Every structure is written in structure tokens, then in C-alpha cells.
Amino acid sequence: MNIEAKTGKRGLTTFDLKVLGIVFMFIDHIYEMFSIMGAPEWLDWFGRPVATLFFFISVEGFTHTRNKEQYLKRLWLGFLIMNIGNYLVQYFFSVGNLGLVNNIFSDLFVAVLSMYGIELITEGYKTKKYGTLFKGILCILSPLLLSAIILLAMTNGSMSILMIGYVLPSTILSENSIMVYLATLLYLFRKNRVLQCIAIAVVGALYAGVNVTALFTTNTQWMMVLAIIPIALYNGQKGKGMKQFFYIFYPAHIWILYIIASLIYTHFY
């Protein structure tokens, strides 16, 4: 069942999904930066569907982009710039013990790299080009292998090796860790919106099952299932262009919120 083909131009465009994700993300980050000063916990609920929504958008972006390598390069540069900016902001400002570890570019890079790997494996298998097939396997495995190296370094206390995680995205250091591969499932099911929504629902149910008694307190990630609503309404249209806006807005709003929170906390708490 291809809902995209049936919905025509009615519903939400990619632009609409991005705006929705950005608004919810902004509210969530207000909670993150100001929770130490009493920001209500329910603000955090807005952020739970955001990663899932951006995973879906990344599938659409990867599927329709003309230059997939350039797409990956942009995400890697965003990841690198975000890490440098996080370090510099925390060097001059602080909000209690709140560490600035936000970097959705890491998640998106790992997710899109897995999509690229699947595409290369498919191409290599069809054309009998085993070099292409091997490259695809490497694309999928490299973030996991890097995660193993980082985990081993942490276990052995080799902290200098951890620096590689600030230059190359890994699964273990991604904001959503292993959940980034939900994006891979969404890519595999890209031609069937119903299966995409089922995949999201199943992952959300797994999160809910971790601690059923704390579904509205400490265990709120299950709320990611709410991303199903806008995704189901997606009409397959691009809408207005905002190609570079997210790359600028994402780091800028996090750094600005952190700096404002630091100034308020330092002077009034």
C-alpha cells in the first residue's frame, strides 16, 4: 500500500514536517537547558517524536537527493562543527553540571550511511561488482566497529582514543544510540507507509515496556509513536525549500539557549 501515491498534494509536505520537528525540538531544548531552574517536565514530551520525524525526513532526503555522497558530507561537516561549537560554548559558559552533548548530525550521518550501504550492496549484487558490495557492507559496519573500539578504549581507560569519536560519528556516541537504525528500517520500508508506521509503533512499544510505571516521568521515549501522525499525513511533496536552514538553526538555537541559561543561572541561582 503506497499512501504517498494515493494522497496526492493534500496533507503535509517535507517542509511542513521539518517546521513541525524544529518547533517541537526547540520546546524540548528549552526544557533541557532550563530544567535545572524548574522548567516543567512536560516540555520534554514535545521532543520525543522529533528524532523519529527527522529519521523519516532523512529517508526522504536520501532517496531524492541527486548527490548522496554530498549529502553525507554535509551531515559529517555538521557533526564536526557541532562538536567544536559545543566544546567552545562549554569552555566559556556552564549551566550547573549540564553537559552539552547534543549532536543530531551524528545520528543522521550513521542512519544515512546505513542507507547508502544498503544501496551499494543492492547495486553490487545486481551488477556483480563485489567491490561495490564490499563498500556497502563497510558503510553499514563502520559506525558499529568504531563503537566497539570506543567502548574498548573506555573499558581500558585509553581516553585519548575517544577523540576519534569527536571526528568520526559512531553508533554508541549518537544521541539515540542504537535507535538510529530505526531510520534504516524506515528506508527499507520506504515504499510502504503502513510498514513504516508499524516499525515506529513497535520500537515505541519496546521503550514503553522498559518501565511501564514511569511512562509519564522518567520513561517518555515511547512518545516517539506520536511521530506516526504527521508521517501518516505526509503527501510526498517537497514543499518550500529550506535546504540550509536546519544546518544553521540546529546548532545556533542550542548554543544560544545554553548561553542564556548559563547567564541566568550564574546571576540568579
C-alpha atoms as a PDB file:
ATOM      1  CA  MET A   1       0.000   0.000   0.000  1.00  0.00           C
ATOM      2  CA  ASN A   2       1.612   3.254  -1.111  1.00  0.00           C
ATOM      3  CA  ILE A   3      -0.134   6.063   0.751  1.00  0.00           C
ATOM      4  CA  GLU A   4       2.096   8.656  -0.885  1.00  0.00           C
ATOM      5  CA  ALA A   5       0.688   7.833  -4.296  1.00  0.00           C
ATOM      6  CA  LYS A   6      -2.890   7.971  -3.011  1.00  0.00           C
ATOM      7  CA  THR A   7      -2.706  11.231  -1.048  1.00  0.00           C
ATOM      8  CA  GLY A   8      -1.689  13.495  -3.951  1.00  0.00           C
ATOM      9  CA  LYS A   9      -0.894  17.026  -2.838  1.00  0.00           C
ATOM     10  CA  ARG A  10      -3.108  17.063   0.243  1.00  0.00           C
ATOM     11  CA  GLY A  11      -1.529  16.648   3.642  1.00  0.00           C
ATOM     12  CA  LEU A  12       1.896  17.665   4.935  1.00  0.00           C
ATOM     13  CA  THR A  13       4.948  18.392   2.795  1.00  0.00           C
ATOM     14  CA  THR A  14       8.575  17.771   3.720  1.00  0.00           C
ATOM     15  CA  PHE A  15       8.788  21.467   4.574  1.00  0.00           C
ATOM     16  CA  ASP A  16       5.848  21.109   6.965  1.00  0.00           C
ATOM     17  CA  LEU A  17       7.429  18.102   8.669  1.00  0.00           C
ATOM     18  CA  LYS A  18      10.701  19.994   9.116  1.00  0.00           C
ATOM     19  CA  VAL A  19       8.954  23.023  10.621  1.00  0.00           C
ATOM     20  CA  LEU A  20       6.973  20.772  12.967  1.00  0.00           C
ATOM     21  CA  GLY A  21      10.136  18.956  14.023  1.00  0.00           C
ATOM     22  CA  ILE A  22      12.029  22.198  14.580  1.00  0.00           C
ATOM     23  CA  VAL A  23       9.250  23.686  16.746  1.00  0.00           C
ATOM     24  CA  PHE A  24       8.966  20.550  18.907  1.00  0.00           C
ATOM     25  CA  MET A  25      12.756  20.310  19.137  1.00  0.00           C
ATOM     26  CA  PHE A  26      13.011  23.931  20.280  1.00  0.00           C
ATOM     27  CA  ILE A  27      10.478  23.359  23.070  1.00  0.00           C
ATOM     28  CA  ASP A  28      12.308  20.222  24.169  1.00  0.00           C
ATOM     29  CA  HIS A  29      15.629  22.036  24.307  1.00  0.00           C
ATOM     30  CA  ILE A  30      14.104  24.800  26.400  1.00  0.00           C
ATOM     31  CA  TYR A  31      13.352  22.101  28.956  1.00  0.00           C
ATOM     32  CA  GLU A  32      16.857  20.652  28.626  1.00  0.00           C
ATOM     33  CA  MET A  33      18.616  23.944  29.236  1.00  0.00           C
ATOM     34  CA  PHE A  34      16.274  25.296  31.906  1.00  0.00           C
ATOM     35  CA  SER A  35      15.235  22.137  33.794  1.00  0.00           C
ATOM     36  CA  ILE A  36      17.812  22.942  36.452  1.00  0.00           C
ATOM     37  CA  MET A  37      15.873  26.159  37.048  1.00  0.00           C
ATOM     38  CA  GLY A  38      12.486  24.486  37.285  1.00  0.00           C
ATOM     39  CA  ALA A  39      11.240  24.154  33.700  1.00  0.00           C
ATOM     40  CA  PRO A  40       8.261  21.719  33.769  1.00  0.00           C
ATOM     41  CA  GLU A  41       8.969  18.129  32.725  1.00  0.00           C
ATOM     42  CA  TRP A  42       6.084  18.014  30.248  1.00  0.00           C
ATOM     43  CA  LEU A  43       8.079  20.291  27.927  1.00  0.00           C
ATOM     44  CA  ASP A  44      10.334  17.294  27.354  1.00  0.00           C
ATOM     45  CA  TRP A  45       7.403  15.345  25.883  1.00  0.00           C
ATOM     46  CA  PHE A  46       7.439  17.547  22.787  1.00  0.00           C
ATOM     47  CA  GLY A  47      10.916  16.294  21.906  1.00  0.00           C
ATOM     48  CA  ARG A  48      10.186  12.574  21.986  1.00  0.00           C
ATOM     49  CA  PRO A  49       8.810  12.291  18.418  1.00  0.00           C
ATOM     50  CA  VAL A  50      11.446  14.633  16.950  1.00  0.00           C
ATOM     51  CA  ALA A  51      14.259  12.151  16.235  1.00  0.00           C
ATOM     52  CA  THR A  52      11.804   9.750  14.573  1.00  0.00           C
ATOM     53  CA  LEU A  53      10.416  12.590  12.472  1.00  0.00           C
ATOM     54  CA  PHE A  54      13.895  13.616  11.321  1.00  0.00           C
ATOM     55  CA  PHE A  55      14.793   9.989  10.609  1.00  0.00           C
ATOM     56  CA  PHE A  56      11.797   9.845   8.281  1.00  0.00           C
ATOM     57  CA  ILE A  57      12.814  13.135   6.665  1.00  0.00           C
ATOM     58  CA  SER A  58      16.362  11.809   6.191  1.00  0.00           C
ATOM     59  CA  VAL A  59      14.946   8.813   4.314  1.00  0.00           C
ATOM     60  CA  GLU A  60      13.073  11.161   2.001  1.00  0.00           C
ATOM     61  CA  GLY A  61      16.126  13.388   1.610  1.00  0.00           C
ATOM     62  CA  PHE A  62      18.456  10.492   0.831  1.00  0.00           C
ATOM     63  CA  THR A  63      16.004   8.874  -1.570  1.00  0.00           C
ATOM     64  CA  HIS A  64      15.522  12.030  -3.631  1.00  0.00           C
ATOM     65  CA  THR A  65      18.946  13.696  -3.441  1.00  0.00           C
ATOM     66  CA  ARG A  66      20.996  13.714  -6.646  1.00  0.00           C
ATOM     67  CA  ASN A  67      24.333  13.512  -4.868  1.00  0.00           C
ATOM     68  CA  LYS A  68      24.266  11.071  -1.953  1.00  0.00           C
ATOM     69  CA  GLU A  69      27.970  11.474  -1.188  1.00  0.00           C
ATOM     70  CA  GLN A  70      27.485  15.246  -0.876  1.00  0.00           C
ATOM     71  CA  TYR A  71      24.539  14.648   1.441  1.00  0.00           C
ATOM     72  CA  LEU A  72      26.734  12.531   3.700  1.00  0.00           C
ATOM     73  CA  LYS A  73      29.490  15.138   3.559  1.00  0.00           C
ATOM     74  CA  ARG A  74      27.103  17.874   4.727  1.00  0.00           C
ATOM     75  CA  LEU A  75      25.977  15.739   7.664  1.00  0.00           C
ATOM     76  CA  TRP A  76      29.587  14.952   8.616  1.00  0.00           C
ATOM     77  CA  LEU A  77      30.556  18.644   8.478  1.00  0.00           C
ATOM     78  CA  GLY A  78      27.525  19.465  10.612  1.00  0.00           C
ATOM     79  CA  PHE A  79      28.626  16.794  13.097  1.00  0.00           C
ATOM     80  CA  LEU A  80      32.182  18.137  13.245  1.00  0.00           C
ATOM     81  CA  ILE A  81      31.173  21.810  13.547  1.00  0.00           C
ATOM     82  CA  MET A  82      28.632  20.910  16.240  1.00  0.00           C
ATOM     83  CA  ASN A  83      31.288  19.139  18.320  1.00  0.00           C
ATOM     84  CA  ILE A  84      33.696  22.063  18.026  1.00  0.00           C
ATOM     85  CA  GLY A  85      30.955  24.555  18.872  1.00  0.00           C
ATOM     86  CA  ASN A  86      29.789  22.511  21.872  1.00  0.00           C
ATOM     87  CA  TYR A  87      33.325  22.478  23.234  1.00  0.00           C
ATOM     88  CA  LEU A  88      33.822  26.213  22.782  1.00  0.00           C
ATOM     89  CA  VAL A  89      30.457  27.161  24.295  1.00  0.00           C
ATOM     90  CA  GLN A  90      31.105  24.983  27.353  1.00  0.00           C
ATOM     91  CA  TYR A  91      34.601  26.415  27.675  1.00  0.00           C
ATOM     92  CA  PHE A  92      33.193  29.885  28.300  1.00  0.00           C
ATOM     93  CA  PHE A  93      29.786  29.058  29.823  1.00  0.00           C
ATOM     94  CA  SER A  94      28.263  26.481  32.156  1.00  0.00           C
ATOM     95  CA  VAL A  95      24.825  25.539  33.450  1.00  0.00           C
ATOM     96  CA  GLY A  96      25.489  23.624  36.642  1.00  0.00           C
ATOM     97  CA  ASN A  97      26.558  20.101  35.697  1.00  0.00           C
ATOM     98  CA  LEU A  98      24.674  20.134  32.384  1.00  0.00           C
ATOM     99  CA  GLY A  99      26.897  18.798  29.619  1.00  0.00           C
ATOM    100  CA  LEU A 100      26.338  19.974  26.071  1.00  0.00           C
ATOM    101  CA  VAL A 101      26.280  16.706  24.117  1.00  0.00           C
ATOM    102  CA  ASN A 102      23.555  17.480  21.558  1.00  0.00           C
ATOM    103  CA  ASN A 103      24.509  16.433  18.040  1.00  0.00           C
ATOM    104  CA  ILE A 104      21.688  15.055  15.894  1.00  0.00           C
ATOM    105  CA  PHE A 105      24.072  15.202  12.924  1.00  0.00           C
ATOM    106  CA  SER A 106      25.796  12.124  14.366  1.00  0.00           C
ATOM    107  CA  ASP A 107      22.536  10.165  14.328  1.00  0.00           C
ATOM    108  CA  LEU A 108      21.607  11.329  10.857  1.00  0.00           C
ATOM    109  CA  PHE A 109      25.065  10.556   9.462  1.00  0.00           C
ATOM    110  CA  VAL A 110      25.054   7.000  10.824  1.00  0.00           C
ATOM    111  CA  ALA A 111      21.490   6.498   9.607  1.00  0.00           C
ATOM    112  CA  VAL A 112      22.116   7.832   6.103  1.00  0.00           C
ATOM    113  CA  LEU A 113      25.405   5.923   5.867  1.00  0.00           C
ATOM    114  CA  SER A 114      23.466   2.702   6.505  1.00  0.00           C
ATOM    115  CA  MET A 115      21.014   3.657   3.732  1.00  0.00           C
ATOM    116  CA  TYR A 116      23.925   4.337   1.403  1.00  0.00           C
ATOM    117  CA  GLY A 117      25.399   0.978   2.356  1.00  0.00           C
ATOM    118  CA  ILE A 118      22.169  -0.822   1.511  1.00  0.00           C
ATOM    119  CA  GLU A 119      22.052   0.946  -1.850  1.00  0.00           C
ATOM    120  CA  LEU A 120      25.639  -0.054  -2.647  1.00  0.00           C
ATOM    121  CA  ILE A 121      25.041  -3.666  -1.594  1.00  0.00           C
ATOM    122  CA  THR A 122      21.962  -3.827  -3.824  1.00  0.00           C
ATOM    123  CA  GLU A 123      23.862  -2.296  -6.745  1.00  0.00           C
ATOM    124  CA  GLY A 124      26.879  -4.530  -6.227  1.00  0.00           C
ATOM    125  CA  TYR A 125      24.727  -7.656  -6.055  1.00  0.00           C
ATOM    126  CA  LYS A 126      22.799  -6.784  -9.207  1.00  0.00           C
ATOM    127  CA  THR A 127      25.870  -5.819 -11.257  1.00  0.00           C
ATOM    128  CA  LYS A 128      28.179  -8.466  -9.754  1.00  0.00           C
ATOM    129  CA  LYS A 129      30.562  -5.678  -8.725  1.00  0.00           C
ATOM    130  CA  TYR A 130      31.885  -7.155  -5.496  1.00  0.00           C
ATOM    131  CA  GLY A 131      33.987  -4.111  -4.709  1.00  0.00           C
ATOM    132  CA  THR A 132      30.802  -2.040  -4.566  1.00  0.00           C
ATOM    133  CA  LEU A 133      29.126  -4.727  -2.467  1.00  0.00           C
ATOM    134  CA  PHE A 134      32.046  -4.756  -0.002  1.00  0.00           C
ATOM    135  CA  LYS A 135      31.985  -0.959   0.191  1.00  0.00           C
ATOM    136  CA  GLY A 136      28.306  -1.121   1.101  1.00  0.00           C
ATOM    137  CA  ILE A 137      28.952  -3.634   3.883  1.00  0.00           C
ATOM    138  CA  LEU A 138      31.752  -1.423   5.205  1.00  0.00           C
ATOM    139  CA  CYS A 139      29.435   1.607   5.251  1.00  0.00           C
ATOM    140  CA  ILE A 140      26.980  -0.259   7.467  1.00  0.00           C
ATOM    141  CA  LEU A 141      29.556  -1.842   9.759  1.00  0.00           C
ATOM    142  CA  SER A 142      31.998   1.064  10.225  1.00  0.00           C
ATOM    143  CA  PRO A 143      29.950   3.001  12.851  1.00  0.00           C
ATOM    144  CA  LEU A 144      29.470  -0.261  14.772  1.00  0.00           C
ATOM    145  CA  LEU A 145      33.157  -1.186  14.549  1.00  0.00           C
ATOM    146  CA  LEU A 146      34.083   2.315  15.684  1.00  0.00           C
ATOM    147  CA  SER A 147      31.664   1.903  18.591  1.00  0.00           C
ATOM    148  CA  ALA A 148      33.429  -1.301  19.618  1.00  0.00           C
ATOM    149  CA  ILE A 149      36.802   0.462  19.532  1.00  0.00           C
ATOM    150  CA  ILE A 150      35.460   3.359  21.625  1.00  0.00           C
ATOM    151  CA  LEU A 151      33.824   1.002  24.128  1.00  0.00           C
ATOM    152  CA  LEU A 152      37.069  -0.968  24.442  1.00  0.00           C
ATOM    153  CA  ALA A 153      39.006   2.273  24.946  1.00  0.00           C
ATOM    154  CA  MET A 154      36.598   3.367  27.686  1.00  0.00           C
ATOM    155  CA  THR A 155      36.938  -0.005  29.394  1.00  0.00           C
ATOM    156  CA  ASN A 156      40.736   0.156  29.309  1.00  0.00           C
ATOM    157  CA  GLY A 157      40.900   3.820  30.255  1.00  0.00           C
ATOM    158  CA  SER A 158      42.505   4.820  26.942  1.00  0.00           C
ATOM    159  CA  MET A 159      40.790   8.201  26.867  1.00  0.00           C
ATOM    160  CA  SER A 160      42.963   9.567  24.051  1.00  0.00           C
ATOM    161  CA  ILE A 161      41.400   7.073  21.631  1.00  0.00           C
ATOM    162  CA  LEU A 162      37.988   8.546  22.463  1.00  0.00           C
ATOM    163  CA  MET A 163      38.982  11.640  20.482  1.00  0.00           C
ATOM    164  CA  ILE A 164      38.276   9.678  17.313  1.00  0.00           C
ATOM    165  CA  GLY A 165      34.619   9.765  18.332  1.00  0.00           C
ATOM    166  CA  TYR A 166      34.668  13.550  18.021  1.00  0.00           C
ATOM    167  CA  VAL A 167      35.857  13.326  14.426  1.00  0.00           C
ATOM    168  CA  LEU A 168      34.003  10.254  13.127  1.00  0.00           C
ATOM    169  CA  PRO A 169      30.356   9.536  14.015  1.00  0.00           C
ATOM    170  CA  SER A 170      29.698   6.249  15.781  1.00  0.00           C
ATOM    171  CA  THR A 171      26.559   4.430  16.843  1.00  0.00           C
ATOM    172  CA  ILE A 172      27.457   4.350  20.528  1.00  0.00           C
ATOM    173  CA  LEU A 173      28.061   8.104  20.782  1.00  0.00           C
ATOM    174  CA  SER A 174      24.992   9.089  18.776  1.00  0.00           C
ATOM    175  CA  GLU A 175      22.237  10.864  20.702  1.00  0.00           C
ATOM    176  CA  ASN A 176      19.826   7.984  20.167  1.00  0.00           C
ATOM    177  CA  SER A 177      22.431   5.210  20.108  1.00  0.00           C
ATOM    178  CA  ILE A 178      21.108   2.003  18.536  1.00  0.00           C
ATOM    179  CA  MET A 179      17.745   3.641  17.808  1.00  0.00           C
ATOM    180  CA  VAL A 180      19.364   5.383  14.812  1.00  0.00           C
ATOM    181  CA  TYR A 181      18.748   2.166  12.914  1.00  0.00           C
ATOM    182  CA  LEU A 182      15.033   2.852  13.078  1.00  0.00           C
ATOM    183  CA  ALA A 183      15.885   5.149  10.162  1.00  0.00           C
ATOM    184  CA  THR A 184      17.310   2.129   8.345  1.00  0.00           C
ATOM    185  CA  LEU A 185      14.018   0.296   8.807  1.00  0.00           C
ATOM    186  CA  LEU A 186      12.123   3.327   7.542  1.00  0.00           C
ATOM    187  CA  TYR A 187      14.369   3.302   4.479  1.00  0.00           C
ATOM    188  CA  LEU A 188      13.765  -0.402   3.852  1.00  0.00           C
ATOM    189  CA  PHE A 189      10.007   0.217   4.149  1.00  0.00           C
ATOM    190  CA  ARG A 190      10.116   3.500   2.182  1.00  0.00           C
ATOM    191  CA  LYS A 191       7.611   2.238  -0.379  1.00  0.00           C
ATOM    192  CA  ASN A 192       5.051   1.274   2.235  1.00  0.00           C
ATOM    193  CA  ARG A 193       3.948   3.953   4.699  1.00  0.00           C
ATOM    194  CA  VAL A 194       1.935   1.484   6.769  1.00  0.00           C
ATOM    195  CA  LEU A 195       5.005  -0.678   7.446  1.00  0.00           C
ATOM    196  CA  GLN A 196       6.974   2.444   8.357  1.00  0.00           C
ATOM    197  CA  CYS A 197       4.353   3.402  10.938  1.00  0.00           C
ATOM    198  CA  ILE A 198       4.258  -0.153  12.294  1.00  0.00           C
ATOM    199  CA  ALA A 199       8.045  -0.114  12.716  1.00  0.00           C
ATOM    200  CA  ILE A 200       7.799   3.139  14.698  1.00  0.00           C
ATOM    201  CA  ALA A 201       4.989   1.715  16.837  1.00  0.00           C
ATOM    202  CA  VAL A 202       6.970  -1.454  17.611  1.00  0.00           C
ATOM    203  CA  VAL A 203      10.076   0.495  18.681  1.00  0.00           C
ATOM    204  CA  GLY A 204       7.893   2.805  20.774  1.00  0.00           C
ATOM    205  CA  ALA A 205       6.268  -0.223  22.439  1.00  0.00           C
ATOM    206  CA  LEU A 206       9.706  -1.613  23.279  1.00  0.00           C
ATOM    207  CA  TYR A 207      10.601   1.647  25.013  1.00  0.00           C
ATOM    208  CA  ALA A 208       7.278   1.639  26.869  1.00  0.00           C
ATOM    209  CA  GLY A 209       7.915  -1.874  28.102  1.00  0.00           C
ATOM    210  CA  VAL A 210      11.189  -0.879  29.786  1.00  0.00           C
ATOM    211  CA  ASN A 211       9.329   0.755  32.701  1.00  0.00           C
ATOM    212  CA  VAL A 212       5.556   0.822  32.391  1.00  0.00           C
ATOM    213  CA  THR A 213       5.125   2.525  35.771  1.00  0.00           C
ATOM    214  CA  ALA A 214       7.068   5.611  34.659  1.00  0.00           C
ATOM    215  CA  LEU A 215       5.522   6.308  31.253  1.00  0.00           C
ATOM    216  CA  PHE A 216       4.981   9.994  32.022  1.00  0.00           C
ATOM    217  CA  THR A 217       8.014  10.637  34.245  1.00  0.00           C
ATOM    218  CA  THR A 218      11.400   9.067  33.538  1.00  0.00           C
ATOM    219  CA  ASN A 219      10.316   6.761  30.698  1.00  0.00           C
ATOM    220  CA  THR A 220       8.900   9.016  27.994  1.00  0.00           C
ATOM    221  CA  GLN A 221      10.725   7.943  24.837  1.00  0.00           C
ATOM    222  CA  TRP A 222       7.719   5.786  23.897  1.00  0.00           C
ATOM    223  CA  MET A 223       6.036   9.068  22.920  1.00  0.00           C
ATOM    224  CA  MET A 224       8.022   8.808  19.710  1.00  0.00           C
ATOM    225  CA  VAL A 225       4.943   6.965  18.382  1.00  0.00           C
ATOM    226  CA  LEU A 226       3.258  10.369  18.047  1.00  0.00           C
ATOM    227  CA  ALA A 227       5.501  10.924  15.006  1.00  0.00           C
ATOM    228  CA  ILE A 228       3.193   8.487  13.217  1.00  0.00           C
ATOM    229  CA  ILE A 229       0.518  11.191  12.956  1.00  0.00           C
ATOM    230  CA  PRO A 230       2.423  13.699  10.782  1.00  0.00           C
ATOM    231  CA  ILE A 231       4.170  10.883   8.901  1.00  0.00           C
ATOM    232  CA  ALA A 232       0.816   9.341   8.005  1.00  0.00           C
ATOM    233  CA  LEU A 233      -0.297  12.757   6.739  1.00  0.00           C
ATOM    234  CA  TYR A 234       2.813  13.222   4.584  1.00  0.00           C
ATOM    235  CA  ASN A 235       1.890  13.700   0.936  1.00  0.00           C
ATOM    236  CA  GLY A 236       5.280  13.018  -0.662  1.00  0.00           C
ATOM    237  CA  GLN A 237       5.717  16.640  -1.782  1.00  0.00           C
ATOM    238  CA  LYS A 238       8.832  18.676  -1.005  1.00  0.00           C
ATOM    239  CA  GLY A 239       7.072  21.983  -0.370  1.00  0.00           C
ATOM    240  CA  LYS A 240       9.059  25.147   0.240  1.00  0.00           C
ATOM    241  CA  GLY A 241      12.821  24.864   0.163  1.00  0.00           C
ATOM    242  CA  MET A 242      14.838  25.196   3.376  1.00  0.00           C
ATOM    243  CA  LYS A 243      17.907  23.181   2.426  1.00  0.00           C
ATOM    244  CA  GLN A 244      20.442  25.009   4.598  1.00  0.00           C
ATOM    245  CA  PHE A 245      18.166  26.382   7.320  1.00  0.00           C
ATOM    246  CA  PHE A 246      18.282  23.299   9.558  1.00  0.00           C
ATOM    247  CA  TYR A 247      22.085  23.120   9.364  1.00  0.00           C
ATOM    248  CA  ILE A 248      22.222  26.660  10.757  1.00  0.00           C
ATOM    249  CA  PHE A 249      19.237  26.664  13.112  1.00  0.00           C
ATOM    250  CA  TYR A 250      20.052  23.420  14.915  1.00  0.00           C
ATOM    251  CA  PRO A 251      23.448  24.345  16.369  1.00  0.00           C
ATOM    252  CA  ALA A 252      22.572  28.056  16.714  1.00  0.00           C
ATOM    253  CA  HIS A 253      19.465  27.569  18.860  1.00  0.00           C
ATOM    254  CA  ILE A 254      21.193  25.044  21.136  1.00  0.00           C
ATOM    255  CA  TRP A 255      24.196  27.276  21.739  1.00  0.00           C
ATOM    256  CA  ILE A 256      22.046  30.390  22.253  1.00  0.00           C
ATOM    257  CA  LEU A 257      19.720  28.611  24.703  1.00  0.00           C
ATOM    258  CA  TYR A 258      22.711  27.227  26.623  1.00  0.00           C
ATOM    259  CA  ILE A 259      24.360  30.648  26.841  1.00  0.00           C
ATOM    260  CA  ILE A 260      21.117  32.327  28.003  1.00  0.00           C
ATOM    261  CA  ALA A 261      20.576  29.570  30.578  1.00  0.00           C
ATOM    262  CA  SER A 262      24.176  29.995  31.772  1.00  0.00           C
ATOM    263  CA  LEU A 263      23.801  33.749  32.232  1.00  0.00           C
ATOM    264  CA  ILE A 264      20.517  33.387  34.125  1.00  0.00           C
ATOM    265  CA  TYR A 265      21.789  30.523  36.302  1.00  0.00           C
ATOM    266  CA  THR A 266      25.041  32.307  37.111  1.00  0.00           C
ATOM    267  CA  HIS A 267      23.364  35.562  38.162  1.00  0.00           C
ATOM    268  CA  PHE A 268      20.170  34.353  39.841  1.00  0.00           C
ATOM    269  CA  TYR A 269      20.844  30.862  41.230  1.00  0.00           C
END
